[in-house]
Amino acid sequence: MEKKELSLMLEYNDTQFTKRIIHKKGESVVFALNFMPGQELPKHQHPNTDAYILVLEGNGTMTVDGENNAVTKGDVVHCDGSEQFSYKNSGDVPSSLYVVLSKVPDERYAQNI
């Protein structure tokens, strides 16, 4: 068993969103994305990979294949590898997402930024 304290992964930066790897095993990776108000994750996709996203804190707008969707703490979103998505903290408090990629498409996705 490997245990991590989630609260330690909720680190915010005033100049850009942060990504903190929680677990990486085999072809899967789990991480937290942390956003100050106005910060955003650019449009992208995860080919051949399912993304499961839990809104841990705050709220924002998730755009999936061009459609805007309001999300808030407690919402869970699934995006398959063919869907292009982005996220913006459109609220006035920090927001965090808990992300599980069921298969790491490329090592770039499993690094802290």
C-alpha atoms as a PDB file:
ATOM      1  CA  MET A   1       0.000   0.000   0.000  1.00  0.00           C
ATOM      2  CA  GLU A   2       1.095   3.532  -0.713  1.00  0.00           C
ATOM      3  CA  LYS A   3      -0.641   6.397   1.086  1.00  0.00           C
ATOM      4  CA  LYS A   4      -0.391  10.104   0.292  1.00  0.00           C
ATOM      5  CA  GLU A   5      -1.930  13.132   1.991  1.00  0.00           C
ATOM      6  CA  LEU A   6      -4.073  14.917  -0.587  1.00  0.00           C
ATOM      7  CA  SER A   7      -3.909  18.277   1.197  1.00  0.00           C
ATOM      8  CA  LEU A   8      -0.154  18.408   0.451  1.00  0.00           C
ATOM      9  CA  MET A   9      -0.923  18.268  -3.289  1.00  0.00           C
ATOM     10  CA  LEU A  10      -3.125  21.373  -3.231  1.00  0.00           C
ATOM     11  CA  GLU A  11      -0.417  23.937  -3.971  1.00  0.00           C
ATOM     12  CA  TYR A  12      -1.313  27.147  -5.771  1.00  0.00           C
ATOM     13  CA  ASN A  13       0.897  29.552  -7.722  1.00  0.00           C
ATOM     14  CA  ASP A  14      -0.058  33.122  -8.609  1.00  0.00           C
ATOM     15  CA  THR A  15       1.506  32.973 -12.093  1.00  0.00           C
ATOM     16  CA  GLN A  16       0.331  29.590 -13.447  1.00  0.00           C
ATOM     17  CA  PHE A  17      -1.684  26.529 -12.516  1.00  0.00           C
ATOM     18  CA  THR A  18       0.192  23.700 -10.801  1.00  0.00           C
ATOM     19  CA  LYS A  19       0.191  19.961 -11.316  1.00  0.00           C
ATOM     20  CA  ARG A  20       1.206  17.600  -8.513  1.00  0.00           C
ATOM     21  CA  ILE A  21       1.631  13.885  -9.193  1.00  0.00           C
ATOM     22  CA  ILE A  22      -0.047  11.787  -6.500  1.00  0.00           C
ATOM     23  CA  HIS A  23       0.566   8.280  -7.872  1.00  0.00           C
ATOM     24  CA  LYS A  24       2.106   6.890 -11.048  1.00  0.00           C
ATOM     25  CA  LYS A  25       2.011   3.145 -11.571  1.00  0.00           C
ATOM     26  CA  GLY A  26       2.343   1.309 -14.859  1.00  0.00           C
ATOM     27  CA  GLU A  27       0.236   3.057 -17.471  1.00  0.00           C
ATOM     28  CA  SER A  28      -1.874   5.021 -14.972  1.00  0.00           C
ATOM     29  CA  VAL A  29      -1.284   8.361 -13.281  1.00  0.00           C
ATOM     30  CA  VAL A  30      -3.211  10.314 -10.642  1.00  0.00           C
ATOM     31  CA  PHE A  31      -2.570  14.011 -10.052  1.00  0.00           C
ATOM     32  CA  ALA A  32      -4.012  17.250  -8.716  1.00  0.00           C
ATOM     33  CA  LEU A  33      -4.364  20.367 -10.859  1.00  0.00           C
ATOM     34  CA  ASN A  34      -4.588  23.609  -8.899  1.00  0.00           C
ATOM     35  CA  PHE A  35      -5.848  26.930 -10.259  1.00  0.00           C
ATOM     36  CA  MET A  36      -6.058  30.441  -8.907  1.00  0.00           C
ATOM     37  CA  PRO A  37      -9.029  32.492 -10.203  1.00  0.00           C
ATOM     38  CA  GLY A  38      -8.691  33.113 -13.937  1.00  0.00           C
ATOM     39  CA  GLN A  39      -6.045  30.429 -14.540  1.00  0.00           C
ATOM     40  CA  GLU A  40      -6.768  27.777 -17.136  1.00  0.00           C
ATOM     41  CA  LEU A  41      -5.710  24.461 -18.574  1.00  0.00           C
ATOM     42  CA  PRO A  42      -5.389  24.779 -22.373  1.00  0.00           C
ATOM     43  CA  LYS A  43      -7.481  22.702 -24.755  1.00  0.00           C
ATOM     44  CA  HIS A  44      -5.981  19.234 -25.205  1.00  0.00           C
ATOM     45  CA  GLN A  45      -6.824  15.537 -25.354  1.00  0.00           C
ATOM     46  CA  HIS A  46      -5.394  12.269 -24.062  1.00  0.00           C
ATOM     47  CA  PRO A  47      -5.336   9.861 -27.030  1.00  0.00           C
ATOM     48  CA  ASN A  48      -6.324   6.274 -26.187  1.00  0.00           C
ATOM     49  CA  THR A  49      -6.824   7.252 -22.537  1.00  0.00           C
ATOM     50  CA  ASP A  50      -9.828   7.893 -20.336  1.00  0.00           C
ATOM     51  CA  ALA A  51      -9.648  10.905 -18.010  1.00  0.00           C
ATOM     52  CA  TYR A  52     -11.682  10.915 -14.798  1.00  0.00           C
ATOM     53  CA  ILE A  53     -11.858  14.313 -13.117  1.00  0.00           C
ATOM     54  CA  LEU A  54     -13.217  15.151  -9.668  1.00  0.00           C
ATOM     55  CA  VAL A  55     -13.659  18.812  -8.730  1.00  0.00           C
ATOM     56  CA  LEU A  56     -12.119  18.950  -5.251  1.00  0.00           C
ATOM     57  CA  GLU A  57     -12.392  22.679  -4.534  1.00  0.00           C
ATOM     58  CA  GLY A  58     -13.988  25.726  -6.107  1.00  0.00           C
ATOM     59  CA  ASN A  59     -15.729  25.851  -9.451  1.00  0.00           C
ATOM     60  CA  GLY A  60     -15.030  26.593 -13.064  1.00  0.00           C
ATOM     61  CA  THR A  61     -15.877  25.969 -16.674  1.00  0.00           C
ATOM     62  CA  MET A  62     -14.905  22.766 -18.456  1.00  0.00           C
ATOM     63  CA  THR A  63     -15.125  22.967 -22.220  1.00  0.00           C
ATOM     64  CA  VAL A  64     -15.459  19.585 -23.933  1.00  0.00           C
ATOM     65  CA  ASP A  65     -15.459  19.491 -27.741  1.00  0.00           C
ATOM     66  CA  GLY A  66     -16.445  23.169 -27.819  1.00  0.00           C
ATOM     67  CA  GLU A  67     -19.326  22.893 -25.315  1.00  0.00           C
ATOM     68  CA  ASN A  68     -19.009  24.878 -22.070  1.00  0.00           C
ATOM     69  CA  ASN A  69     -20.047  23.087 -18.879  1.00  0.00           C
ATOM     70  CA  ALA A  70     -20.147  24.659 -15.418  1.00  0.00           C
ATOM     71  CA  VAL A  71     -18.541  22.398 -12.798  1.00  0.00           C
ATOM     72  CA  THR A  72     -18.348  22.770  -9.048  1.00  0.00           C
ATOM     73  CA  LYS A  73     -16.956  20.992  -5.988  1.00  0.00           C
ATOM     74  CA  GLY A  74     -18.095  17.370  -5.969  1.00  0.00           C
ATOM     75  CA  ASP A  75     -18.750  17.054  -9.711  1.00  0.00           C
ATOM     76  CA  VAL A  76     -17.127  14.112 -11.502  1.00  0.00           C
ATOM     77  CA  VAL A  77     -16.402  14.284 -15.228  1.00  0.00           C
ATOM     78  CA  HIS A  78     -15.285  11.580 -17.672  1.00  0.00           C
ATOM     79  CA  CYS A  79     -13.577  12.447 -20.975  1.00  0.00           C
ATOM     80  CA  ASP A  80     -12.531   9.779 -23.422  1.00  0.00           C
ATOM     81  CA  GLY A  81      -9.326  10.023 -25.408  1.00  0.00           C
ATOM     82  CA  SER A  82     -10.976  11.494 -28.503  1.00  0.00           C
ATOM     83  CA  GLU A  83     -12.568  14.460 -26.689  1.00  0.00           C
ATOM     84  CA  GLN A  84     -10.756  17.795 -26.556  1.00  0.00           C
ATOM     85  CA  PHE A  85     -11.203  19.565 -23.260  1.00  0.00           C
ATOM     86  CA  SER A  86     -10.002  22.555 -21.274  1.00  0.00           C
ATOM     87  CA  TYR A  87     -10.706  23.978 -17.830  1.00  0.00           C
ATOM     88  CA  LYS A  88     -10.831  27.522 -16.499  1.00  0.00           C
ATOM     89  CA  ASN A  89     -11.250  28.611 -12.914  1.00  0.00           C
ATOM     90  CA  SER A  90     -14.057  31.054 -13.582  1.00  0.00           C
ATOM     91  CA  GLY A  91     -14.785  31.518  -9.878  1.00  0.00           C
ATOM     92  CA  ASP A  92     -13.300  33.906  -7.348  1.00  0.00           C
ATOM     93  CA  VAL A  93     -11.594  31.326  -5.100  1.00  0.00           C
ATOM     94  CA  PRO A  94      -8.865  28.735  -5.839  1.00  0.00           C
ATOM     95  CA  SER A  95     -10.028  25.502  -7.469  1.00  0.00           C
ATOM     96  CA  SER A  96      -8.486  22.030  -7.636  1.00  0.00           C
ATOM     97  CA  LEU A  97      -9.141  19.000  -9.798  1.00  0.00           C
ATOM     98  CA  TYR A  98      -8.279  15.380  -8.938  1.00  0.00           C
ATOM     99  CA  VAL A  99      -7.423  13.647 -12.223  1.00  0.00           C
ATOM    100  CA  VAL A 100      -6.998   9.948 -13.026  1.00  0.00           C
ATOM    101  CA  LEU A 101      -5.604   8.937 -16.423  1.00  0.00           C
ATOM    102  CA  SER A 102      -6.221   5.237 -16.866  1.00  0.00           C
ATOM    103  CA  LYS A 103      -3.371   4.890 -19.308  1.00  0.00           C
ATOM    104  CA  VAL A 104      -0.490   7.339 -19.536  1.00  0.00           C
ATOM    105  CA  PRO A 105      -0.384   8.389 -23.207  1.00  0.00           C
ATOM    106  CA  ASP A 106       3.085   9.923 -22.975  1.00  0.00           C
ATOM    107  CA  GLU A 107       5.601  10.574 -20.177  1.00  0.00           C
ATOM    108  CA  ARG A 108       4.909  14.334 -20.463  1.00  0.00           C
ATOM    109  CA  TYR A 109       1.569  13.731 -18.743  1.00  0.00           C
ATOM    110  CA  ALA A 110       3.230  12.159 -15.680  1.00  0.00           C
ATOM    111  CA  GLN A 111       5.482  15.054 -14.646  1.00  0.00           C
ATOM    112  CA  ASN A 112       5.006  17.856 -12.153  1.00  0.00           C
ATOM    113  CA  ILE A 113       4.817  21.339 -13.652  1.00  0.00           C
END
